């Protein structure tokens, strides 16, 4: 989808696997297996994995700047780390747009969600909410197999609405918002059959036009 959008915009594109991206330290360029220089890269490969494997040394030496554009940029690691939720709660406790979040344990919370720091698409999520008769564990995925206990946070559980489908099946919506320079520019609606939003959730992106 991203490659199609870039091609439609007039960009020359090449689709490669992440292990076909190489760093040439002598010439200080990123290139693919055919020695074509890579100047702009859109990747789904997680930054937190990239900086901790064979690419990490090149990036640590300042070679991040040898790429004209990284999509997404490295600073997204800060926003994708769920420890930010803990920091926000410590800075602004009881803020109406936040829910309690802790790093070490659920503390006194009766109903909570356990989330991996770097989890995506529901991987590793555990919901323990006896007040709502909900207990769900997402046991599939790379994160579940590799994350240590120190790599989770605990956040208060908030019951999601359930808008039944035409077939009277459960339908739990989750709204994602994009804000640029303090202005709302887009949002996305994800809908899941269960309590955990995962890879199989229905997804509809929406753009907000300015008039």
Foldseek 3Di string as FASTA:
>chain_A
DVQVVCVVVPDDDDDDDPVQWDADPVVLFIAGVVRHTAQEDEDPPDPVVCCPDPNVVCVVVVSLVRHNYYVVDPVVLVVQFCVVLQVVCVVPPPDPVHFHKFQQDQPPAQWKWKAFRNDDFQPQIWTGHVVVPDTDGRCDDDCNVDDDSNRIMITHDDDFDWDADPVRATKGKDKAWDADPNHTFWIKIWIDRDPGGGPPTDIDIGTDDDD
